[in-house]
Amino acid sequence: MGRILNDKSTYNQLEDVNGRMSTLQSGDLIVGALGHRNALQGYEGTLPTSARIGETLQVLNLGGVIGECVSFNRDVGPPFNLEVLGQVLVFPDFNSRVGKPANIAMKALASSDHVASVPVVYIAGTCMNAGKTAAACALIRALSRAGLRVGGAKLTGVSLVRDILAMRDYGAEWSFDFTDTGVTTSWAESSQASARSIFAELAKRGAEVIVAETGDGIMGEYGVQAILGDKDLMARSAAFILCANDPVGVAGGLGFLESEFGIKADIVAGPATDNRVGTRFVELTFGVRAINARSRGEEFGEHVLQLVQCRRGSR
């Protein structure tokens, strides 16, 4: 728990537990979770070695992750400074006034040693803000309208419920992210286990197909590469979608996926396909279907649905 020490005119909101955004001002009291962040278009911050009362830390994202900021993108400006006031306590023992430090892992999803046998559509991107969530939502809507029980998942990134709430808005019956597995910020050593736990939970609840977004980019530091290199996780792939911002990103992303992980993307989406210039370039140059999820959502969803049905039937 801490007190905001400064005002900001940009990147100045905080998400509450229901996903609602509130504008922060100097003097506001907030509750967050310690963690790190490595965002190209945001803040770079490390996990603090201490968080004593009176110390100053920084708010690293809209979800309330708190750490020590070491660099920032000027588009978001310097972060909020936070005075540490103390730690939230829980009282799990009946009739006891002795509190225990709260931790997001207290109600985490159960761990799983195997990968649930549910087809997964993976959506990865060249960077943050490459159109991944827009593609995931368009796809969830199409699959749910086709009568499938869809589970949404965000496998990597920094804690924020906005994206998984959007998945539910578009028709996912359930949606979870790595935070539900007790992880504030994903990294290479955590991402595979988080993905297994999320998939197992969605399968247990009855999901017939899972739409899984990997936060950040395929070359980022949040554990995306660990997932792409996991043969068991990739064996569940019913379709793989790459979102990119421009043709160079498409070229690099497709080449990197195939050379490093043996993954051939089924569809390219994102801003690189915002008009015919991009889609024509992708399809003629690389022979990969290019469909914009925002402007051609029905076509995008129908194409992926065919891939899912085909690969479900072959298993």
C-alpha atoms as a PDB file:
ATOM      1  CA  MET A   1       0.000   0.000   0.000  1.00  0.00           C
ATOM      2  CA  GLY A   2       1.290   3.458  -0.814  1.00  0.00           C
ATOM      3  CA  ARG A   3       0.605   7.167  -1.374  1.00  0.00           C
ATOM      4  CA  ILE A   4       0.954   8.803  -4.800  1.00  0.00           C
ATOM      5  CA  LEU A   5       3.465  11.661  -4.571  1.00  0.00           C
ATOM      6  CA  ASN A   6       3.107  13.496  -7.897  1.00  0.00           C
ATOM      7  CA  ASP A   7       0.648  14.428 -10.633  1.00  0.00           C
ATOM      8  CA  LYS A   8       0.813  13.294 -14.263  1.00  0.00           C
ATOM      9  CA  SER A   9      -1.055  14.369 -17.395  1.00  0.00           C
ATOM     10  CA  THR A  10      -0.310  11.194 -19.391  1.00  0.00           C
ATOM     11  CA  TYR A  11      -0.467   7.521 -18.425  1.00  0.00           C
ATOM     12  CA  ASN A  12      -2.087   8.655 -15.202  1.00  0.00           C
ATOM     13  CA  GLN A  13      -4.739   6.026 -14.508  1.00  0.00           C
ATOM     14  CA  LEU A  14      -5.021   2.903 -12.388  1.00  0.00           C
ATOM     15  CA  GLU A  15      -7.210  -0.137 -12.988  1.00  0.00           C
ATOM     16  CA  ASP A  16      -9.337  -1.334 -10.083  1.00  0.00           C
ATOM     17  CA  VAL A  17     -10.239  -4.958  -9.368  1.00  0.00           C
ATOM     18  CA  ASN A  18     -13.275  -4.689 -11.665  1.00  0.00           C
ATOM     19  CA  GLY A  19     -11.295  -3.331 -14.611  1.00  0.00           C
ATOM     20  CA  ARG A  20     -12.495   0.249 -14.227  1.00  0.00           C
ATOM     21  CA  MET A  21      -9.913   2.981 -14.795  1.00  0.00           C
ATOM     22  CA  SER A  22      -9.540   5.804 -12.270  1.00  0.00           C
ATOM     23  CA  THR A  23      -7.361   8.896 -12.712  1.00  0.00           C
ATOM     24  CA  LEU A  24      -4.728   9.214  -9.989  1.00  0.00           C
ATOM     25  CA  GLN A  25      -3.667  12.425  -8.293  1.00  0.00           C
ATOM     26  CA  SER A  26      -1.051  13.314  -5.738  1.00  0.00           C
ATOM     27  CA  GLY A  27      -2.126  12.151  -2.291  1.00  0.00           C
ATOM     28  CA  ASP A  28      -4.226   9.185  -3.480  1.00  0.00           C
ATOM     29  CA  LEU A  29      -3.781   5.901  -1.624  1.00  0.00           C
ATOM     30  CA  ILE A  30      -3.455   2.730  -3.707  1.00  0.00           C
ATOM     31  CA  VAL A  31      -2.812  -0.965  -3.246  1.00  0.00           C
ATOM     32  CA  GLY A  32      -0.513  -2.696  -5.736  1.00  0.00           C
ATOM     33  CA  ALA A  33       1.825  -5.652  -6.106  1.00  0.00           C
ATOM     34  CA  LEU A  34       5.597  -5.686  -6.345  1.00  0.00           C
ATOM     35  CA  GLY A  35       6.986  -6.709  -9.715  1.00  0.00           C
ATOM     36  CA  HIS A  36       9.182  -5.788 -12.665  1.00  0.00           C
ATOM     37  CA  ARG A  37       8.458  -4.483 -16.159  1.00  0.00           C
ATOM     38  CA  ASN A  38      10.405  -4.362 -19.425  1.00  0.00           C
ATOM     39  CA  ALA A  39       8.163  -2.447 -21.838  1.00  0.00           C
ATOM     40  CA  LEU A  40       9.588  -0.885 -24.993  1.00  0.00           C
ATOM     41  CA  GLN A  41       6.681   1.557 -25.169  1.00  0.00           C
ATOM     42  CA  GLY A  42       6.364   2.085 -21.423  1.00  0.00           C
ATOM     43  CA  TYR A  43       8.541   1.659 -18.344  1.00  0.00           C
ATOM     44  CA  GLU A  44      11.526  -0.461 -17.521  1.00  0.00           C
ATOM     45  CA  GLY A  45      11.507  -1.265 -13.828  1.00  0.00           C
ATOM     46  CA  THR A  46      13.084  -3.811 -11.524  1.00  0.00           C
ATOM     47  CA  LEU A  47      11.703  -5.766  -8.590  1.00  0.00           C
ATOM     48  CA  PRO A  48      12.689  -3.856  -5.428  1.00  0.00           C
ATOM     49  CA  THR A  49      15.134  -5.443  -3.026  1.00  0.00           C
ATOM     50  CA  SER A  50      13.191  -3.818  -0.178  1.00  0.00           C
ATOM     51  CA  ALA A  51       9.899  -2.027   0.376  1.00  0.00           C
ATOM     52  CA  ARG A  52      10.156  -0.438   3.793  1.00  0.00           C
ATOM     53  CA  ILE A  53       7.706   2.106   5.141  1.00  0.00           C
ATOM     54  CA  GLY A  54       8.704   5.585   3.962  1.00  0.00           C
ATOM     55  CA  GLU A  55      10.717   4.407   0.940  1.00  0.00           C
ATOM     56  CA  THR A  56       9.866   5.735  -2.526  1.00  0.00           C
ATOM     57  CA  LEU A  57       9.078   3.349  -5.391  1.00  0.00           C
ATOM     58  CA  GLN A  58       7.340   3.815  -8.748  1.00  0.00           C
ATOM     59  CA  VAL A  59       4.084   2.626 -10.337  1.00  0.00           C
ATOM     60  CA  LEU A  60       5.140   0.722 -13.449  1.00  0.00           C
ATOM     61  CA  ASN A  61       1.832   0.061 -15.212  1.00  0.00           C
ATOM     62  CA  LEU A  62      -1.905   0.723 -15.233  1.00  0.00           C
ATOM     63  CA  GLY A  63      -2.517  -2.447 -13.243  1.00  0.00           C
ATOM     64  CA  GLY A  64      -0.683  -1.293 -10.133  1.00  0.00           C
ATOM     65  CA  VAL A  65       2.617  -3.134 -10.464  1.00  0.00           C
ATOM     66  CA  ILE A  66       5.147  -1.380  -8.217  1.00  0.00           C
ATOM     67  CA  GLY A  67       8.917  -1.414  -8.588  1.00  0.00           C
ATOM     68  CA  GLU A  68      12.005   0.705  -9.169  1.00  0.00           C
ATOM     69  CA  CYS A  69      11.857   2.508 -12.513  1.00  0.00           C
ATOM     70  CA  VAL A  70      15.205   2.666 -14.326  1.00  0.00           C
ATOM     71  CA  SER A  71      14.098   4.035 -17.731  1.00  0.00           C
ATOM     72  CA  PHE A  72      10.943   5.156 -19.515  1.00  0.00           C
ATOM     73  CA  ASN A  73       9.490   5.948 -22.926  1.00  0.00           C
ATOM     74  CA  ARG A  74       8.927   9.690 -23.174  1.00  0.00           C
ATOM     75  CA  ASP A  75       5.457   9.153 -24.650  1.00  0.00           C
ATOM     76  CA  VAL A  76       4.253   8.012 -21.214  1.00  0.00           C
ATOM     77  CA  GLY A  77       6.443  10.411 -19.228  1.00  0.00           C
ATOM     78  CA  PRO A  78       8.121   9.737 -15.887  1.00  0.00           C
ATOM     79  CA  PRO A  79       6.141   7.344 -13.665  1.00  0.00           C
ATOM     80  CA  PHE A  80       4.158   8.035 -10.530  1.00  0.00           C
ATOM     81  CA  ASN A  81       6.295   8.076  -7.413  1.00  0.00           C
ATOM     82  CA  LEU A  82       4.864   6.149  -4.501  1.00  0.00           C
ATOM     83  CA  GLU A  83       5.570   6.412  -0.788  1.00  0.00           C
ATOM     84  CA  VAL A  84       5.412   2.953   0.812  1.00  0.00           C
ATOM     85  CA  LEU A  85       2.923   2.960   3.704  1.00  0.00           C
ATOM     86  CA  GLY A  86       2.760  -0.715   4.565  1.00  0.00           C
ATOM     87  CA  GLN A  87       1.518  -4.137   3.480  1.00  0.00           C
ATOM     88  CA  VAL A  88      -2.005  -5.474   3.164  1.00  0.00           C
ATOM     89  CA  LEU A  89      -2.779  -8.247   5.626  1.00  0.00           C
ATOM     90  CA  VAL A  90      -5.276 -11.091   5.443  1.00  0.00           C
ATOM     91  CA  PHE A  91      -6.764 -12.985   8.385  1.00  0.00           C
ATOM     92  CA  PRO A  92      -7.282 -16.583   7.251  1.00  0.00           C
ATOM     93  CA  ASP A  93      -7.512 -18.096  10.702  1.00  0.00           C
ATOM     94  CA  PHE A  94     -10.942 -17.951  12.316  1.00  0.00           C
ATOM     95  CA  ASN A  95     -11.158 -15.831  15.453  1.00  0.00           C
ATOM     96  CA  SER A  96      -7.536 -14.711  15.138  1.00  0.00           C
ATOM     97  CA  ARG A  97      -6.295 -11.145  15.006  1.00  0.00           C
ATOM     98  CA  VAL A  98      -2.867 -12.155  13.725  1.00  0.00           C
ATOM     99  CA  GLY A  99      -2.632 -11.097  10.103  1.00  0.00           C
ATOM    100  CA  LYS A 100      -0.527 -12.592   7.332  1.00  0.00           C
ATOM    101  CA  PRO A 101       0.964 -10.644   4.396  1.00  0.00           C
ATOM    102  CA  ALA A 102      -1.332 -10.808   1.369  1.00  0.00           C
ATOM    103  CA  ASN A 103       0.031 -12.311  -1.837  1.00  0.00           C
ATOM    104  CA  ILE A 104      -1.604 -12.778  -5.243  1.00  0.00           C
ATOM    105  CA  ALA A 105      -0.536 -16.432  -5.197  1.00  0.00           C
ATOM    106  CA  MET A 106      -2.932 -17.162  -2.321  1.00  0.00           C
ATOM    107  CA  LYS A 107      -5.837 -18.036  -4.633  1.00  0.00           C
ATOM    108  CA  ALA A 108      -3.845 -19.084  -7.672  1.00  0.00           C
ATOM    109  CA  LEU A 109      -5.046 -21.695 -10.139  1.00  0.00           C
ATOM    110  CA  ALA A 110      -3.833 -25.206  -9.488  1.00  0.00           C
ATOM    111  CA  SER A 111      -0.566 -26.139 -11.170  1.00  0.00           C
ATOM    112  CA  SER A 112      -0.570 -28.754 -13.919  1.00  0.00           C
ATOM    113  CA  ASP A 113       2.189 -31.020 -15.198  1.00  0.00           C
ATOM    114  CA  HIS A 114       0.524 -31.752 -18.529  1.00  0.00           C
ATOM    115  CA  VAL A 115      -1.076 -29.780 -21.336  1.00  0.00           C
ATOM    116  CA  ALA A 116      -4.854 -30.129 -21.588  1.00  0.00           C
ATOM    117  CA  SER A 117      -6.100 -31.731 -24.805  1.00  0.00           C
ATOM    118  CA  VAL A 118      -8.049 -28.696 -26.030  1.00  0.00           C
ATOM    119  CA  PRO A 119      -7.184 -27.034 -29.362  1.00  0.00           C
ATOM    120  CA  VAL A 120      -5.481 -23.666 -28.935  1.00  0.00           C
ATOM    121  CA  VAL A 121      -5.333 -20.713 -31.302  1.00  0.00           C
ATOM    122  CA  TYR A 122      -2.152 -18.805 -30.507  1.00  0.00           C
ATOM    123  CA  ILE A 123      -1.910 -15.084 -31.199  1.00  0.00           C
ATOM    124  CA  ALA A 124       1.552 -13.534 -31.003  1.00  0.00           C
ATOM    125  CA  GLY A 125       2.926 -10.184 -32.110  1.00  0.00           C
ATOM    126  CA  THR A 126       6.095  -8.420 -33.110  1.00  0.00           C
ATOM    127  CA  CYS A 127       5.674  -5.918 -30.256  1.00  0.00           C
ATOM    128  CA  MET A 128       3.154  -4.497 -27.809  1.00  0.00           C
ATOM    129  CA  ASN A 129       0.280  -2.622 -29.485  1.00  0.00           C
ATOM    130  CA  ALA A 130       0.467  -4.802 -32.605  1.00  0.00           C
ATOM    131  CA  GLY A 131      -3.245  -5.669 -32.638  1.00  0.00           C
ATOM    132  CA  LYS A 132      -3.142  -8.945 -30.707  1.00  0.00           C
ATOM    133  CA  THR A 133      -6.093  -8.307 -28.412  1.00  0.00           C
ATOM    134  CA  ALA A 134      -8.222  -6.964 -31.269  1.00  0.00           C
ATOM    135  CA  ALA A 135      -7.505 -10.157 -33.194  1.00  0.00           C
ATOM    136  CA  ALA A 136      -8.260 -12.317 -30.149  1.00  0.00           C
ATOM    137  CA  CYS A 137     -11.594 -10.593 -29.551  1.00  0.00           C
ATOM    138  CA  ALA A 138     -12.678 -10.823 -33.192  1.00  0.00           C
ATOM    139  CA  LEU A 139     -11.807 -14.499 -33.198  1.00  0.00           C
ATOM    140  CA  ILE A 140     -13.589 -15.231 -29.915  1.00  0.00           C
ATOM    141  CA  ARG A 141     -16.739 -13.626 -31.269  1.00  0.00           C
ATOM    142  CA  ALA A 142     -16.621 -15.732 -34.436  1.00  0.00           C
ATOM    143  CA  LEU A 143     -15.935 -19.000 -32.628  1.00  0.00           C
ATOM    144  CA  SER A 144     -18.608 -18.425 -29.992  1.00  0.00           C
ATOM    145  CA  ARG A 145     -21.162 -17.522 -32.659  1.00  0.00           C
ATOM    146  CA  ALA A 146     -20.310 -20.799 -34.364  1.00  0.00           C
ATOM    147  CA  GLY A 147     -21.492 -22.584 -31.226  1.00  0.00           C
ATOM    148  CA  LEU A 148     -18.151 -23.385 -29.603  1.00  0.00           C
ATOM    149  CA  ARG A 149     -17.499 -22.848 -25.904  1.00  0.00           C
ATOM    150  CA  VAL A 150     -14.498 -20.545 -25.990  1.00  0.00           C
ATOM    151  CA  GLY A 151     -11.927 -19.933 -23.281  1.00  0.00           C
ATOM    152  CA  GLY A 152      -9.752 -16.834 -23.423  1.00  0.00           C
ATOM    153  CA  ALA A 153      -6.200 -16.682 -22.136  1.00  0.00           C
ATOM    154  CA  LYS A 154      -3.431 -14.132 -21.866  1.00  0.00           C
ATOM    155  CA  LEU A 155      -0.238 -16.017 -21.213  1.00  0.00           C
ATOM    156  CA  THR A 156       2.430 -13.343 -20.727  1.00  0.00           C
ATOM    157  CA  GLY A 157       2.869  -9.690 -19.856  1.00  0.00           C
ATOM    158  CA  VAL A 158       2.399  -7.406 -16.848  1.00  0.00           C
ATOM    159  CA  SER A 159      -0.715  -7.705 -14.672  1.00  0.00           C
ATOM    160  CA  LEU A 160      -3.766  -5.936 -16.114  1.00  0.00           C
ATOM    161  CA  VAL A 161      -7.265  -7.404 -16.418  1.00  0.00           C
ATOM    162  CA  ARG A 162      -8.355  -5.171 -19.321  1.00  0.00           C
ATOM    163  CA  ASP A 163      -7.566  -7.684 -22.051  1.00  0.00           C
ATOM    164  CA  ILE A 164      -9.197 -10.734 -20.468  1.00  0.00           C
ATOM    165  CA  LEU A 165     -12.294  -8.661 -19.662  1.00  0.00           C
ATOM    166  CA  ALA A 166     -12.458  -7.669 -23.331  1.00  0.00           C
ATOM    167  CA  MET A 167     -12.322 -11.358 -24.241  1.00  0.00           C
ATOM    168  CA  ARG A 168     -15.383 -11.983 -22.072  1.00  0.00           C
ATOM    169  CA  ASP A 169     -17.163  -9.027 -23.651  1.00  0.00           C
ATOM    170  CA  TYR A 170     -16.706 -10.676 -27.050  1.00  0.00           C
ATOM    171  CA  GLY A 171     -18.064 -14.050 -26.025  1.00  0.00           C
ATOM    172  CA  ALA A 172     -15.478 -16.015 -24.060  1.00  0.00           C
ATOM    173  CA  GLU A 173     -17.253 -18.044 -21.372  1.00  0.00           C
ATOM    174  CA  TRP A 174     -14.143 -17.889 -19.199  1.00  0.00           C
ATOM    175  CA  SER A 175     -10.878 -16.004 -19.413  1.00  0.00           C
ATOM    176  CA  PHE A 176      -7.726 -16.146 -17.315  1.00  0.00           C
ATOM    177  CA  ASP A 177      -4.253 -14.703 -17.449  1.00  0.00           C
ATOM    178  CA  PHE A 178      -0.906 -15.370 -15.813  1.00  0.00           C
ATOM    179  CA  THR A 179      -1.916 -13.250 -12.817  1.00  0.00           C
ATOM    180  CA  ASP A 180      -4.465 -15.951 -11.968  1.00  0.00           C
ATOM    181  CA  THR A 181      -1.519 -18.330 -11.552  1.00  0.00           C
ATOM    182  CA  GLY A 182       0.074 -16.099  -8.923  1.00  0.00           C
ATOM    183  CA  VAL A 183       2.470 -14.211 -11.212  1.00  0.00           C
ATOM    184  CA  THR A 184       2.635 -10.403 -11.239  1.00  0.00           C
ATOM    185  CA  THR A 185       4.935 -10.133 -14.257  1.00  0.00           C
ATOM    186  CA  SER A 186       5.681 -13.111 -16.460  1.00  0.00           C
ATOM    187  CA  TRP A 187       9.210 -14.190 -17.368  1.00  0.00           C
ATOM    188  CA  ALA A 188      10.903 -17.118 -19.061  1.00  0.00           C
ATOM    189  CA  GLU A 189      10.920 -19.335 -15.977  1.00  0.00           C
ATOM    190  CA  SER A 190       7.209 -18.805 -15.229  1.00  0.00           C
ATOM    191  CA  SER A 191       5.397 -18.626 -18.562  1.00  0.00           C
ATOM    192  CA  GLN A 192       5.234 -22.331 -19.431  1.00  0.00           C
ATOM    193  CA  ALA A 193       3.830 -23.304 -16.038  1.00  0.00           C
ATOM    194  CA  SER A 194       1.289 -20.483 -16.183  1.00  0.00           C
ATOM    195  CA  ALA A 195       0.118 -21.589 -19.628  1.00  0.00           C
ATOM    196  CA  ARG A 196      -0.343 -25.177 -18.453  1.00  0.00           C
ATOM    197  CA  SER A 197      -2.345 -24.069 -15.410  1.00  0.00           C
ATOM    198  CA  ILE A 198      -4.597 -21.792 -17.458  1.00  0.00           C
ATOM    199  CA  PHE A 199      -5.234 -24.404 -20.136  1.00  0.00           C
ATOM    200  CA  ALA A 200      -5.986 -27.062 -17.521  1.00  0.00           C
ATOM    201  CA  GLU A 201      -8.493 -24.795 -15.779  1.00  0.00           C
ATOM    202  CA  LEU A 202     -10.236 -23.856 -19.032  1.00  0.00           C
ATOM    203  CA  ALA A 203     -10.423 -27.521 -20.063  1.00  0.00           C
ATOM    204  CA  LYS A 204     -11.867 -28.451 -16.661  1.00  0.00           C
ATOM    205  CA  ARG A 205     -14.585 -25.852 -17.092  1.00  0.00           C
ATOM    206  CA  GLY A 206     -15.580 -27.189 -20.494  1.00  0.00           C
ATOM    207  CA  ALA A 207     -13.788 -25.047 -23.073  1.00  0.00           C
ATOM    208  CA  GLU A 208     -13.877 -26.581 -26.556  1.00  0.00           C
ATOM    209  CA  VAL A 209     -11.294 -24.183 -27.970  1.00  0.00           C
ATOM    210  CA  ILE A 210      -8.869 -21.739 -26.357  1.00  0.00           C
ATOM    211  CA  VAL A 211      -7.811 -18.395 -27.820  1.00  0.00           C
ATOM    212  CA  ALA A 212      -4.435 -17.609 -26.241  1.00  0.00           C
ATOM    213  CA  GLU A 213      -2.729 -14.239 -26.593  1.00  0.00           C
ATOM    214  CA  THR A 214       0.917 -13.784 -25.693  1.00  0.00           C
ATOM    215  CA  GLY A 215       1.519 -10.305 -24.309  1.00  0.00           C
ATOM    216  CA  ASP A 216       4.424  -8.199 -25.604  1.00  0.00           C
ATOM    217  CA  GLY A 217       6.443  -9.397 -28.609  1.00  0.00           C
ATOM    218  CA  ILE A 218       8.007 -12.633 -29.765  1.00  0.00           C
ATOM    219  CA  MET A 219      11.428 -11.112 -28.984  1.00  0.00           C
ATOM    220  CA  GLY A 220      10.453  -9.584 -25.636  1.00  0.00           C
ATOM    221  CA  GLU A 221      11.486 -10.492 -22.114  1.00  0.00           C
ATOM    222  CA  TYR A 222       8.199 -11.805 -20.699  1.00  0.00           C
ATOM    223  CA  GLY A 223       8.632 -15.492 -21.530  1.00  0.00           C
ATOM    224  CA  VAL A 224       6.961 -15.646 -24.944  1.00  0.00           C
ATOM    225  CA  GLN A 225       9.906 -17.528 -26.442  1.00  0.00           C
ATOM    226  CA  ALA A 226       9.727 -20.145 -23.680  1.00  0.00           C
ATOM    227  CA  ILE A 227       6.132 -20.878 -24.705  1.00  0.00           C
ATOM    228  CA  LEU A 228       6.946 -20.930 -28.424  1.00  0.00           C
ATOM    229  CA  GLY A 229       9.748 -23.396 -27.757  1.00  0.00           C
ATOM    230  CA  ASP A 230       7.609 -25.745 -25.655  1.00  0.00           C
ATOM    231  CA  LYS A 231       6.765 -28.693 -27.898  1.00  0.00           C
ATOM    232  CA  ASP A 232       3.869 -29.882 -25.743  1.00  0.00           C
ATOM    233  CA  LEU A 233       2.213 -26.460 -25.722  1.00  0.00           C
ATOM    234  CA  MET A 234       2.718 -25.969 -29.449  1.00  0.00           C
ATOM    235  CA  ALA A 235       1.390 -29.457 -30.161  1.00  0.00           C
ATOM    236  CA  ARG A 236      -2.074 -28.177 -29.126  1.00  0.00           C
ATOM    237  CA  SER A 237      -1.963 -25.424 -31.752  1.00  0.00           C
ATOM    238  CA  ALA A 238      -4.970 -25.401 -34.061  1.00  0.00           C
ATOM    239  CA  ALA A 239      -3.870 -22.131 -35.692  1.00  0.00           C
ATOM    240  CA  PHE A 240      -1.101 -19.580 -35.238  1.00  0.00           C
ATOM    241  CA  ILE A 241      -1.643 -15.880 -35.915  1.00  0.00           C
ATOM    242  CA  LEU A 242       1.111 -13.284 -36.151  1.00  0.00           C
ATOM    243  CA  CYS A 243       0.227  -9.626 -35.614  1.00  0.00           C
ATOM    244  CA  ALA A 244       2.647  -7.024 -36.930  1.00  0.00           C
ATOM    245  CA  ASN A 245       2.780  -3.255 -37.316  1.00  0.00           C
ATOM    246  CA  ASP A 246       4.485  -3.047 -40.716  1.00  0.00           C
ATOM    247  CA  PRO A 247       5.868  -5.162 -43.592  1.00  0.00           C
ATOM    248  CA  VAL A 248       9.357  -5.296 -42.085  1.00  0.00           C
ATOM    249  CA  GLY A 249       7.840  -6.645 -38.876  1.00  0.00           C
ATOM    250  CA  VAL A 250       5.991  -9.279 -40.899  1.00  0.00           C
ATOM    251  CA  ALA A 251       9.188 -10.344 -42.637  1.00  0.00           C
ATOM    252  CA  GLY A 252      11.189 -10.526 -39.434  1.00  0.00           C
ATOM    253  CA  GLY A 253       8.416 -12.153 -37.423  1.00  0.00           C
ATOM    254  CA  LEU A 254       7.671 -14.897 -39.938  1.00  0.00           C
ATOM    255  CA  GLY A 255      11.356 -15.649 -40.400  1.00  0.00           C
ATOM    256  CA  PHE A 256      12.095 -15.688 -36.684  1.00  0.00           C
ATOM    257  CA  LEU A 257       9.181 -17.992 -35.869  1.00  0.00           C
ATOM    258  CA  GLU A 258      10.172 -20.513 -38.517  1.00  0.00           C
ATOM    259  CA  SER A 259      13.944 -20.452 -38.031  1.00  0.00           C
ATOM    260  CA  GLU A 260      13.922 -20.507 -34.224  1.00  0.00           C
ATOM    261  CA  PHE A 261      10.848 -22.607 -33.444  1.00  0.00           C
ATOM    262  CA  GLY A 262       9.740 -24.275 -36.672  1.00  0.00           C
ATOM    263  CA  ILE A 263       6.411 -22.413 -36.503  1.00  0.00           C
ATOM    264  CA  LYS A 264       4.643 -21.418 -39.696  1.00  0.00           C
ATOM    265  CA  ALA A 265       2.040 -18.736 -39.124  1.00  0.00           C
ATOM    266  CA  ASP A 266      -1.365 -19.414 -40.663  1.00  0.00           C
ATOM    267  CA  ILE A 267      -2.488 -15.780 -40.784  1.00  0.00           C
ATOM    268  CA  VAL A 268      -0.909 -12.349 -40.539  1.00  0.00           C
ATOM    269  CA  ALA A 269      -3.037  -9.635 -38.910  1.00  0.00           C
ATOM    270  CA  GLY A 270      -2.490  -6.307 -37.153  1.00  0.00           C
ATOM    271  CA  PRO A 271      -1.754  -2.799 -38.530  1.00  0.00           C
ATOM    272  CA  ALA A 272       0.400  -4.264 -41.322  1.00  0.00           C
ATOM    273  CA  THR A 273      -2.881  -5.423 -42.891  1.00  0.00           C
ATOM    274  CA  ASP A 274      -4.870  -2.209 -42.413  1.00  0.00           C
ATOM    275  CA  ASN A 275      -5.373  -1.836 -46.172  1.00  0.00           C
ATOM    276  CA  ARG A 276      -4.721  -3.637 -49.451  1.00  0.00           C
ATOM    277  CA  VAL A 277      -1.133  -2.382 -49.664  1.00  0.00           C
ATOM    278  CA  GLY A 278      -0.108  -4.460 -46.667  1.00  0.00           C
ATOM    279  CA  THR A 279      -2.253  -7.507 -47.324  1.00  0.00           C
ATOM    280  CA  ARG A 280      -1.098  -7.680 -50.956  1.00  0.00           C
ATOM    281  CA  PHE A 281       2.544  -7.446 -49.917  1.00  0.00           C
ATOM    282  CA  VAL A 282       2.218 -10.181 -47.306  1.00  0.00           C
ATOM    283  CA  GLU A 283       0.365 -12.627 -49.503  1.00  0.00           C
ATOM    284  CA  LEU A 284       2.470 -12.108 -52.637  1.00  0.00           C
ATOM    285  CA  THR A 285       5.828 -11.975 -50.858  1.00  0.00           C
ATOM    286  CA  PHE A 286       5.389 -14.663 -48.207  1.00  0.00           C
ATOM    287  CA  GLY A 287       2.449 -16.750 -49.373  1.00  0.00           C
ATOM    288  CA  VAL A 288       0.700 -16.326 -46.017  1.00  0.00           C
ATOM    289  CA  ARG A 289      -2.940 -15.317 -45.726  1.00  0.00           C
ATOM    290  CA  ALA A 290      -3.279 -11.700 -44.524  1.00  0.00           C
ATOM    291  CA  ILE A 291      -6.610 -10.678 -42.972  1.00  0.00           C
ATOM    292  CA  ASN A 292      -7.281  -7.591 -40.895  1.00  0.00           C
ATOM    293  CA  ALA A 293      -9.217  -8.563 -37.768  1.00  0.00           C
ATOM    294  CA  ARG A 294     -10.882  -5.171 -37.342  1.00  0.00           C
ATOM    295  CA  SER A 295     -12.086  -4.397 -40.852  1.00  0.00           C
ATOM    296  CA  ARG A 296     -12.599  -8.005 -42.006  1.00  0.00           C
ATOM    297  CA  GLY A 297     -13.555  -9.628 -38.730  1.00  0.00           C
ATOM    298  CA  GLU A 298     -16.070 -12.116 -40.145  1.00  0.00           C
ATOM    299  CA  GLU A 299     -13.669 -13.334 -42.813  1.00  0.00           C
ATOM    300  CA  PHE A 300     -10.870 -13.550 -40.268  1.00  0.00           C
ATOM    301  CA  GLY A 301     -13.012 -15.561 -37.866  1.00  0.00           C
ATOM    302  CA  GLU A 302     -14.369 -17.878 -40.556  1.00  0.00           C
ATOM    303  CA  HIS A 303     -10.889 -18.699 -41.823  1.00  0.00           C
ATOM    304  CA  VAL A 304      -9.613 -19.566 -38.347  1.00  0.00           C
ATOM    305  CA  LEU A 305     -12.800 -21.516 -37.606  1.00  0.00           C
ATOM    306  CA  GLN A 306     -12.112 -23.721 -40.622  1.00  0.00           C
ATOM    307  CA  LEU A 307      -8.580 -24.375 -39.380  1.00  0.00           C
ATOM    308  CA  VAL A 308      -9.852 -25.239 -35.900  1.00  0.00           C
ATOM    309  CA  GLN A 309     -12.538 -27.575 -37.216  1.00  0.00           C
ATOM    310  CA  CYS A 310     -10.083 -29.269 -39.561  1.00  0.00           C
ATOM    311  CA  ARG A 311      -7.473 -29.849 -36.871  1.00  0.00           C
ATOM    312  CA  ARG A 312     -10.028 -30.862 -34.252  1.00  0.00           C
ATOM    313  CA  GLY A 313     -11.303 -33.486 -36.671  1.00  0.00           C
ATOM    314  CA  SER A 314      -7.833 -34.840 -37.372  1.00  0.00           C
ATOM    315  CA  ARG A 315      -7.159 -35.646 -33.698  1.00  0.00           C
END
